């Protein structure tokens, strides 16, 4: 289901000690949402539970970032990212996210766990123009080649720095 909420320019700024915590099943449906997630998303706990985690996806986020995230976690790797989320009222909030796969006692994937905290201002200042450039490339390339065009911008940037995305995100 596509989010039909219109984005606004109203920002919700995370407090230094805020920690958004959620869990999903292997398909990305929310199975747990803490009170801070409920607060910042603007959804009730009942609205969040059972919904796809992309319920908070902001249209300013490049699709290539989510592809990178899903590729990593589906390969049983942690992913760290700066993410702009959208709340139910169209407002937005930035997070510094860590997403990890979760396993049961037999080693079977049971879902994903995500912790999100307040991002550094310097990190946001660095990442926002990169994401804007990636998003512009996606729009210019059209739906069929959007992720490829956006990924190329990110890949070229990372290759020039000799870093992975996670290393880059942690360095800014």
N, C-alpha and C. Protein backbone atom coordinates (compact mmCIF):
# COMPACT_ATOMS: atom_id res chain seq x y z
N UNK A 1 0.84 -1.18 0.00
CA UNK A 1 0.00 0.00 0.00
C UNK A 1 0.88 1.24 0.00
N UNK A 2 0.66 2.12 -0.94
CA UNK A 2 1.46 3.33 -1.08
C UNK A 2 0.96 4.39 -0.11
N UNK A 3 1.92 5.07 0.52
CA UNK A 3 1.60 6.11 1.48
C UNK A 3 1.04 7.32 0.73
N UNK A 4 -0.17 7.75 1.07
CA UNK A 4 -0.82 8.88 0.39
C UNK A 4 -0.74 10.17 1.19
N UNK A 5 0.09 10.20 2.21
CA UNK A 5 0.24 11.38 3.05
C UNK A 5 1.14 12.39 2.33
N UNK A 6 0.71 13.64 2.33
CA UNK A 6 1.50 14.70 1.70
C UNK A 6 2.56 15.19 2.69
N UNK A 7 3.83 15.20 2.26
CA UNK A 7 4.88 15.69 3.15
C UNK A 7 4.73 17.19 3.42
N UNK A 8 5.13 17.58 4.62
CA UNK A 8 5.15 19.00 5.00
C UNK A 8 6.59 19.37 5.34
N UNK A 9 6.81 20.61 5.65
CA UNK A 9 8.13 21.06 6.07
C UNK A 9 8.26 21.13 7.58
N UNK A 10 7.39 20.44 8.29
CA UNK A 10 7.42 20.46 9.75
C UNK A 10 8.33 19.33 10.25
N UNK A 11 9.41 19.73 10.92
CA UNK A 11 10.37 18.74 11.41
C UNK A 11 10.12 18.44 12.87
N UNK A 12 10.22 17.16 13.19
CA UNK A 12 10.21 16.70 14.58
C UNK A 12 11.67 16.35 14.89
N UNK A 13 12.26 17.04 15.84
CA UNK A 13 13.67 16.83 16.14
C UNK A 13 13.80 15.88 17.33
N UNK A 14 14.55 14.82 17.10
CA UNK A 14 14.78 13.86 18.19
C UNK A 14 15.60 14.51 19.30
N UNK A 15 15.30 14.13 20.50
CA UNK A 15 16.07 14.58 21.66
C UNK A 15 17.32 13.70 21.77
N UNK A 16 18.35 14.20 22.42
CA UNK A 16 19.63 13.48 22.52
C UNK A 16 19.47 12.06 23.07
N UNK A 17 18.60 11.86 24.04
CA UNK A 17 18.47 10.56 24.69
C UNK A 17 17.39 9.67 24.05
N UNK A 18 16.71 10.16 23.00
CA UNK A 18 15.68 9.36 22.35
C UNK A 18 16.28 8.15 21.65
N UNK A 19 15.59 7.04 21.74
CA UNK A 19 15.97 5.84 21.01
C UNK A 19 14.70 5.19 20.48
N UNK A 20 14.58 5.21 19.16
CA UNK A 20 13.46 4.53 18.51
C UNK A 20 13.86 3.08 18.33
N UNK A 21 12.99 2.18 18.71
CA UNK A 21 13.28 0.76 18.63
C UNK A 21 12.08 0.06 18.00
N UNK A 22 12.35 -0.80 17.04
CA UNK A 22 11.26 -1.59 16.44
C UNK A 22 11.80 -2.92 15.97
N UNK A 23 10.87 -3.83 15.81
CA UNK A 23 11.17 -5.15 15.23
C UNK A 23 10.18 -5.40 14.11
N UNK A 24 10.65 -6.16 13.11
CA UNK A 24 9.76 -6.57 12.03
C UNK A 24 9.90 -8.06 11.81
N UNK A 25 8.95 -8.61 11.08
CA UNK A 25 9.09 -9.99 10.63
C UNK A 25 10.01 -9.99 9.41
N UNK A 26 10.31 -11.15 8.84
CA UNK A 26 11.23 -11.18 7.69
C UNK A 26 10.75 -10.40 6.46
N UNK A 27 9.45 -10.12 6.37
CA UNK A 27 8.91 -9.37 5.23
C UNK A 27 8.84 -7.87 5.49
N UNK A 28 9.25 -7.43 6.69
CA UNK A 28 9.25 -6.01 7.00
C UNK A 28 8.00 -5.50 7.69
N UNK A 29 7.12 -6.39 8.12
CA UNK A 29 5.93 -5.97 8.87
C UNK A 29 6.30 -5.76 10.33
N UNK A 30 5.87 -4.65 10.88
CA UNK A 30 6.22 -4.27 12.26
C UNK A 30 5.56 -5.21 13.25
N UNK A 31 6.39 -5.76 14.14
CA UNK A 31 5.89 -6.64 15.20
C UNK A 31 6.06 -6.01 16.57
N UNK A 32 6.88 -4.98 16.66
CA UNK A 32 7.07 -4.25 17.92
C UNK A 32 7.47 -2.82 17.60
N UNK A 33 6.90 -1.87 18.35
CA UNK A 33 7.25 -0.46 18.22
C UNK A 33 7.26 0.15 19.61
N UNK A 34 8.39 0.77 19.98
CA UNK A 34 8.44 1.38 21.31
C UNK A 34 7.71 2.73 21.32
N UNK A 35 7.57 3.31 22.50
CA UNK A 35 6.81 4.56 22.67
C UNK A 35 7.41 5.72 21.89
N UNK A 36 8.73 5.76 21.78
CA UNK A 36 9.37 6.86 21.04
C UNK A 36 9.05 6.73 19.55
N UNK A 37 9.00 5.51 19.03
CA UNK A 37 8.60 5.31 17.62
C UNK A 37 7.16 5.77 17.44
N UNK A 38 6.28 5.39 18.34
CA UNK A 38 4.89 5.83 18.27
C UNK A 38 4.82 7.36 18.28
N UNK A 39 5.58 7.98 19.19
CA UNK A 39 5.58 9.44 19.31
C UNK A 39 6.02 10.11 18.01
N UNK A 40 7.16 9.71 17.48
CA UNK A 40 7.70 10.40 16.31
C UNK A 40 6.95 10.06 15.03
N UNK A 41 6.46 8.84 14.92
CA UNK A 41 5.73 8.47 13.71
C UNK A 41 4.36 9.12 13.65
N UNK A 42 3.78 9.38 14.83
CA UNK A 42 2.43 9.95 14.87
C UNK A 42 1.34 8.91 14.71
N UNK A 43 1.72 7.67 14.52
CA UNK A 43 0.75 6.57 14.43
C UNK A 43 0.54 5.98 15.82
N UNK A 44 -0.60 5.35 16.02
CA UNK A 44 -0.80 4.62 17.26
C UNK A 44 -0.04 3.31 17.17
N UNK A 45 0.18 2.68 18.30
CA UNK A 45 0.84 1.38 18.30
C UNK A 45 0.05 0.38 17.45
N UNK A 46 -1.28 0.42 17.57
CA UNK A 46 -2.11 -0.50 16.78
C UNK A 46 -2.01 -0.25 15.28
N UNK A 47 -1.84 1.02 14.89
CA UNK A 47 -1.67 1.32 13.47
C UNK A 47 -0.33 0.82 12.95
N UNK A 48 0.69 0.88 13.79
CA UNK A 48 2.03 0.43 13.38
C UNK A 48 2.13 -1.08 13.31
N UNK A 49 1.63 -1.76 14.34
CA UNK A 49 1.77 -3.22 14.39
C UNK A 49 1.06 -3.87 13.20
N UNK A 50 1.80 -4.70 12.49
CA UNK A 50 1.26 -5.37 11.30
C UNK A 50 1.43 -4.58 10.02
N UNK A 51 1.83 -3.32 10.12
CA UNK A 51 2.06 -2.50 8.93
C UNK A 51 3.48 -2.72 8.43
N UNK A 52 3.67 -2.51 7.13
CA UNK A 52 5.03 -2.54 6.58
C UNK A 52 5.81 -1.38 7.18
N UNK A 53 7.09 -1.61 7.46
CA UNK A 53 7.91 -0.56 8.07
C UNK A 53 8.00 0.66 7.17
N UNK A 54 7.79 0.49 5.89
CA UNK A 54 7.87 1.64 4.99
C UNK A 54 6.68 2.59 5.16
N UNK A 55 5.83 2.34 6.15
CA UNK A 55 4.74 3.27 6.47
C UNK A 55 5.31 4.65 6.80
N UNK A 56 6.57 4.69 7.27
CA UNK A 56 7.21 5.97 7.61
C UNK A 56 8.21 6.43 6.55
N UNK A 57 8.20 5.81 5.39
CA UNK A 57 9.14 6.18 4.33
C UNK A 57 8.82 7.57 3.80
N UNK A 58 9.82 8.42 3.79
CA UNK A 58 9.66 9.78 3.27
C UNK A 58 10.02 9.78 1.78
N UNK A 59 9.25 10.49 0.95
CA UNK A 59 9.57 10.51 -0.48
C UNK A 59 10.90 11.17 -0.82
N UNK A 60 11.52 11.87 0.13
CA UNK A 60 12.84 12.46 -0.11
C UNK A 60 13.97 11.43 0.00
N UNK A 61 13.64 10.22 0.41
CA UNK A 61 14.68 9.18 0.54
C UNK A 61 14.88 8.46 -0.78
N UNK A 62 16.13 8.38 -1.24
CA UNK A 62 16.40 7.64 -2.47
C UNK A 62 16.07 6.15 -2.31
N UNK A 63 15.48 5.59 -3.33
CA UNK A 63 15.14 4.16 -3.30
C UNK A 63 16.40 3.31 -3.19
N UNK A 64 17.50 3.79 -3.74
CA UNK A 64 18.75 3.02 -3.71
C UNK A 64 19.24 2.79 -2.28
N UNK A 65 18.96 3.70 -1.37
CA UNK A 65 19.38 3.51 0.02
C UNK A 65 18.62 2.33 0.63
N UNK A 66 17.34 2.23 0.34
CA UNK A 66 16.56 1.10 0.88
C UNK A 66 16.95 -0.22 0.21
N UNK A 67 17.32 -0.16 -1.07
CA UNK A 67 17.81 -1.38 -1.71
C UNK A 67 19.10 -1.83 -1.05
N UNK A 68 20.01 -0.89 -0.80
CA UNK A 68 21.27 -1.21 -0.13
C UNK A 68 20.99 -1.82 1.25
N UNK A 69 20.09 -1.19 2.00
CA UNK A 69 19.75 -1.69 3.33
C UNK A 69 19.20 -3.11 3.26
N UNK A 70 18.21 -3.34 2.40
CA UNK A 70 17.62 -4.68 2.29
C UNK A 70 18.63 -5.71 1.80
N UNK A 71 19.47 -5.33 0.85
CA UNK A 71 20.50 -6.27 0.37
C UNK A 71 21.41 -6.69 1.52
N UNK A 72 21.81 -5.73 2.33
CA UNK A 72 22.71 -6.05 3.44
C UNK A 72 22.03 -6.93 4.48
N UNK A 73 20.86 -6.55 4.95
CA UNK A 73 20.25 -7.32 6.03
C UNK A 73 19.77 -8.68 5.56
N UNK A 74 19.39 -8.79 4.30
CA UNK A 74 19.01 -10.12 3.79
C UNK A 74 20.22 -11.01 3.60
N UNK A 75 21.41 -10.42 3.57
CA UNK A 75 22.66 -11.20 3.54
C UNK A 75 23.24 -11.34 4.95
N UNK A 76 22.37 -11.15 5.94
CA UNK A 76 22.72 -11.34 7.35
C UNK A 76 23.80 -10.37 7.83
N UNK A 77 23.79 -9.16 7.28
CA UNK A 77 24.73 -8.12 7.68
C UNK A 77 23.98 -6.95 8.31
N UNK A 78 24.63 -6.27 9.20
CA UNK A 78 24.08 -5.06 9.79
C UNK A 78 24.17 -3.93 8.78
N UNK A 79 23.25 -2.99 8.85
CA UNK A 79 23.32 -1.80 8.01
C UNK A 79 23.11 -0.57 8.87
N UNK A 80 23.93 0.44 8.64
CA UNK A 80 23.84 1.72 9.34
C UNK A 80 23.53 2.78 8.29
N UNK A 81 22.57 3.65 8.58
CA UNK A 81 22.17 4.64 7.58
C UNK A 81 21.57 5.88 8.23
N UNK A 82 21.70 6.99 7.54
CA UNK A 82 20.92 8.18 7.86
C UNK A 82 19.62 8.05 7.09
N UNK A 83 18.49 8.23 7.77
CA UNK A 83 17.19 8.05 7.13
C UNK A 83 16.26 9.20 7.52
N UNK A 84 15.59 9.74 6.51
CA UNK A 84 14.54 10.74 6.74
C UNK A 84 13.22 9.99 6.70
N UNK A 85 12.49 10.04 7.80
CA UNK A 85 11.19 9.38 7.91
C UNK A 85 10.08 10.41 7.88
N UNK A 86 8.88 9.95 7.54
CA UNK A 86 7.71 10.83 7.52
C UNK A 86 6.69 10.34 8.53
N UNK A 87 6.20 11.27 9.32
CA UNK A 87 5.18 10.95 10.30
C UNK A 87 3.78 11.00 9.67
N UNK A 88 2.82 10.51 10.40
CA UNK A 88 1.45 10.40 9.90
C UNK A 88 0.88 11.74 9.44
N UNK A 89 1.31 12.84 10.09
CA UNK A 89 0.79 14.16 9.72
C UNK A 89 1.57 14.82 8.58
N UNK A 90 2.53 14.09 7.99
CA UNK A 90 3.32 14.63 6.89
C UNK A 90 4.62 15.27 7.33
N UNK A 91 4.79 15.46 8.64
CA UNK A 91 6.04 15.99 9.15
C UNK A 91 7.16 14.99 8.94
N UNK A 92 8.37 15.39 9.27
CA UNK A 92 9.50 14.48 9.06
C UNK A 92 10.42 14.48 10.27
N UNK A 93 11.21 13.42 10.35
CA UNK A 93 12.23 13.33 11.39
C UNK A 93 13.38 12.49 10.84
N UNK A 94 14.60 12.97 11.11
CA UNK A 94 15.81 12.28 10.68
C UNK A 94 16.27 11.35 11.80
N UNK A 95 16.81 10.20 11.39
CA UNK A 95 17.35 9.24 12.35
C UNK A 95 18.69 8.71 11.86
N UNK A 96 19.48 8.28 12.82
CA UNK A 96 20.70 7.52 12.56
C UNK A 96 20.32 6.09 12.90
N UNK A 97 20.17 5.26 11.89
CA UNK A 97 19.58 3.93 12.07
C UNK A 97 20.62 2.81 11.97
N UNK A 98 20.43 1.82 12.82
CA UNK A 98 21.17 0.57 12.74
C UNK A 98 20.14 -0.54 12.62
N UNK A 99 20.24 -1.32 11.56
CA UNK A 99 19.29 -2.40 11.32
C UNK A 99 20.06 -3.71 11.26
N UNK A 100 19.58 -4.69 12.01
CA UNK A 100 20.25 -5.99 12.06
C UNK A 100 19.24 -7.11 11.89
N UNK A 101 19.67 -8.22 11.27
CA UNK A 101 18.79 -9.38 11.22
C UNK A 101 18.74 -10.04 12.60
N UNK A 102 17.62 -10.65 12.93
CA UNK A 102 17.44 -11.37 14.20
C UNK A 102 17.16 -12.84 13.90
N UNK A 103 17.73 -13.70 14.73
CA UNK A 103 17.61 -15.14 14.50
C UNK A 103 17.03 -15.83 15.73
N UNK A 104 16.35 -16.95 15.50
CA UNK A 104 15.85 -17.74 16.62
C UNK A 104 16.96 -18.65 17.12
N UNK A 105 16.65 -19.45 18.13
CA UNK A 105 17.67 -20.31 18.76
C UNK A 105 18.24 -21.36 17.81
N UNK A 106 17.56 -21.62 16.68
CA UNK A 106 18.06 -22.58 15.70
C UNK A 106 18.80 -21.91 14.54
N UNK A 107 18.98 -20.60 14.65
CA UNK A 107 19.69 -19.88 13.60
C UNK A 107 18.83 -19.47 12.43
N UNK A 108 17.52 -19.62 12.54
CA UNK A 108 16.61 -19.23 11.46
C UNK A 108 16.25 -17.75 11.59
N UNK A 109 16.19 -17.06 10.46
CA UNK A 109 15.82 -15.66 10.46
C UNK A 109 14.41 -15.50 11.01
N UNK A 110 14.27 -14.63 12.02
CA UNK A 110 12.92 -14.38 12.55
C UNK A 110 12.46 -12.95 12.27
N UNK A 111 13.36 -12.12 11.76
CA UNK A 111 12.99 -10.76 11.42
C UNK A 111 14.17 -9.83 11.52
N UNK A 112 13.85 -8.55 11.72
CA UNK A 112 14.87 -7.52 11.77
C UNK A 112 14.62 -6.60 12.96
N UNK A 113 15.70 -6.11 13.53
CA UNK A 113 15.63 -5.19 14.65
C UNK A 113 16.29 -3.89 14.23
N UNK A 114 15.66 -2.78 14.59
CA UNK A 114 16.20 -1.48 14.23
C UNK A 114 16.22 -0.56 15.44
N UNK A 115 17.38 0.10 15.63
CA UNK A 115 17.55 1.13 16.65
C UNK A 115 17.82 2.41 15.91
N UNK A 116 17.13 3.46 16.30
CA UNK A 116 17.34 4.75 15.65
C UNK A 116 17.51 5.82 16.72
N UNK A 117 18.56 6.61 16.55
CA UNK A 117 18.83 7.71 17.46
C UNK A 117 18.92 9.01 16.71
N UNK A 118 19.18 10.06 17.46
CA UNK A 118 19.32 11.39 16.86
C UNK A 118 20.59 11.44 16.03
N UNK A 119 20.47 11.83 14.77
CA UNK A 119 21.68 11.92 13.93
C UNK A 119 22.49 13.16 14.26
N UNK A 120 23.77 13.10 13.94
CA UNK A 120 24.63 14.27 14.12
C UNK A 120 24.26 15.32 13.07
N UNK A 121 24.27 16.57 13.47
CA UNK A 121 23.99 17.66 12.53
C UNK A 121 24.98 17.65 11.37
N UNK A 122 26.25 17.35 11.67
CA UNK A 122 27.27 17.32 10.62
C UNK A 122 27.00 16.20 9.63
N UNK A 123 26.51 15.09 10.12
CA UNK A 123 26.16 13.97 9.24
C UNK A 123 25.00 14.31 8.32
N UNK A 124 24.00 14.94 8.89
CA UNK A 124 22.85 15.36 8.08
C UNK A 124 23.28 16.36 7.02
N UNK A 125 24.12 17.30 7.42
CA UNK A 125 24.57 18.33 6.48
C UNK A 125 25.35 17.71 5.32
N UNK A 126 26.04 16.62 5.59
CA UNK A 126 26.79 15.92 4.54
C UNK A 126 25.87 15.06 3.69
N UNK A 127 24.96 14.34 4.32
CA UNK A 127 24.17 13.33 3.60
C UNK A 127 23.00 13.93 2.82
N UNK A 128 22.41 15.01 3.31
CA UNK A 128 21.23 15.56 2.63
C UNK A 128 21.48 15.93 1.17
N UNK A 129 22.59 16.65 0.82
CA UNK A 129 22.79 16.94 -0.60
C UNK A 129 23.10 15.69 -1.44
N UNK A 130 23.72 14.70 -0.82
CA UNK A 130 23.98 13.44 -1.55
C UNK A 130 22.66 12.75 -1.86
N UNK A 131 21.79 12.66 -0.86
CA UNK A 131 20.48 12.04 -1.09
C UNK A 131 19.68 12.83 -2.12
N UNK A 132 19.76 14.16 -2.08
CA UNK A 132 19.04 14.98 -3.06
C UNK A 132 19.54 14.70 -4.47
N UNK A 133 20.85 14.55 -4.62
CA UNK A 133 21.43 14.24 -5.94
C UNK A 133 20.99 12.84 -6.39
N UNK A 134 20.98 11.89 -5.47
CA UNK A 134 20.54 10.53 -5.80
C UNK A 134 19.07 10.53 -6.20
N UNK A 135 18.24 11.25 -5.47
CA UNK A 135 16.81 11.31 -5.77
C UNK A 135 16.57 11.96 -7.13
N UNK A 136 17.32 13.00 -7.43
CA UNK A 136 17.19 13.66 -8.74
C UNK A 136 17.56 12.68 -9.86
N UNK A 137 18.60 11.89 -9.65
CA UNK A 137 19.01 10.90 -10.65
C UNK A 137 17.92 9.84 -10.83
N UNK A 138 17.28 9.44 -9.74
CA UNK A 138 16.19 8.47 -9.83
C UNK A 138 15.04 9.02 -10.66
N UNK A 139 14.68 10.25 -10.39
CA UNK A 139 13.56 10.86 -11.13
C UNK A 139 13.90 11.02 -12.60
N UNK A 140 15.13 11.42 -12.90
CA UNK A 140 15.54 11.62 -14.28
C UNK A 140 15.60 10.29 -15.03
N UNK A 141 16.04 9.24 -14.37
CA UNK A 141 16.20 7.94 -15.02
C UNK A 141 14.88 7.23 -15.27
N UNK A 142 13.85 7.57 -14.53
CA UNK A 142 12.57 6.89 -14.67
C UNK A 142 12.55 5.63 -13.81
N UNK A 143 11.37 5.11 -13.60
CA UNK A 143 11.16 4.00 -12.66
C UNK A 143 12.02 2.78 -12.96
N UNK A 144 12.15 2.42 -14.22
CA UNK A 144 12.86 1.19 -14.57
C UNK A 144 14.35 1.24 -14.25
N UNK A 145 14.94 2.41 -14.28
CA UNK A 145 16.39 2.53 -14.06
C UNK A 145 16.73 3.42 -12.87
N UNK A 146 15.73 3.75 -12.06
CA UNK A 146 15.92 4.69 -10.95
C UNK A 146 16.97 4.22 -9.96
N UNK A 147 16.84 3.01 -9.49
CA UNK A 147 17.76 2.52 -8.47
C UNK A 147 19.17 2.42 -9.03
N UNK A 148 19.29 1.97 -10.27
CA UNK A 148 20.60 1.86 -10.91
C UNK A 148 21.28 3.23 -11.00
N UNK A 149 20.52 4.26 -11.41
CA UNK A 149 21.09 5.60 -11.55
C UNK A 149 21.51 6.17 -10.20
N UNK A 150 20.67 5.98 -9.21
CA UNK A 150 20.95 6.48 -7.87
C UNK A 150 22.13 5.74 -7.24
N UNK A 151 22.16 4.43 -7.41
CA UNK A 151 23.24 3.62 -6.85
C UNK A 151 24.59 4.02 -7.45
N UNK A 152 24.60 4.37 -8.73
CA UNK A 152 25.86 4.78 -9.37
C UNK A 152 26.44 6.02 -8.70
N UNK A 153 25.59 6.97 -8.37
CA UNK A 153 26.08 8.17 -7.69
C UNK A 153 26.71 7.80 -6.36
N UNK A 154 26.02 6.97 -5.59
CA UNK A 154 26.55 6.56 -4.29
C UNK A 154 27.81 5.72 -4.44
N UNK A 155 27.78 4.77 -5.37
CA UNK A 155 28.95 3.91 -5.59
C UNK A 155 30.18 4.72 -5.99
N UNK A 156 29.99 5.70 -6.87
CA UNK A 156 31.10 6.54 -7.30
C UNK A 156 31.66 7.35 -6.13
N UNK A 157 30.78 7.89 -5.31
CA UNK A 157 31.21 8.65 -4.13
C UNK A 157 32.01 7.77 -3.18
N UNK A 158 31.49 6.58 -2.90
CA UNK A 158 32.16 5.68 -1.96
C UNK A 158 33.49 5.18 -2.52
N UNK A 159 33.52 4.88 -3.81
CA UNK A 159 34.77 4.43 -4.43
C UNK A 159 35.84 5.52 -4.32
N UNK A 160 35.43 6.77 -4.52
CA UNK A 160 36.37 7.89 -4.40
C UNK A 160 36.91 8.06 -2.99
N UNK A 161 36.12 7.65 -2.01
CA UNK A 161 36.55 7.76 -0.62
C UNK A 161 37.19 6.46 -0.12
N UNK A 162 37.08 5.39 -0.91
CA UNK A 162 37.62 4.10 -0.50
C UNK A 162 36.92 3.55 0.73
N UNK A 163 35.60 3.75 0.80
CA UNK A 163 34.82 3.34 1.97
C UNK A 163 33.56 2.61 1.55
N UNK A 164 33.05 1.79 2.47
CA UNK A 164 31.72 1.23 2.31
C UNK A 164 30.71 2.29 2.75
N UNK A 165 29.44 2.06 2.46
CA UNK A 165 28.41 3.02 2.90
C UNK A 165 28.42 3.14 4.43
N UNK A 166 28.47 2.01 5.13
CA UNK A 166 28.48 2.04 6.60
C UNK A 166 29.67 2.84 7.13
N UNK A 167 30.85 2.61 6.55
CA UNK A 167 32.04 3.34 6.99
C UNK A 167 31.86 4.85 6.75
N UNK A 168 31.31 5.18 5.59
CA UNK A 168 31.07 6.59 5.27
C UNK A 168 30.10 7.21 6.26
N UNK A 169 28.98 6.53 6.51
CA UNK A 169 27.96 7.05 7.43
C UNK A 169 28.56 7.23 8.84
N UNK A 170 29.36 6.30 9.27
CA UNK A 170 29.95 6.42 10.60
C UNK A 170 31.01 7.53 10.67
N UNK A 171 31.56 7.91 9.52
CA UNK A 171 32.62 8.92 9.50
C UNK A 171 32.10 10.34 9.46
N UNK A 172 30.84 10.51 9.12
CA UNK A 172 30.31 11.88 8.98
C UNK A 172 29.58 12.35 10.22
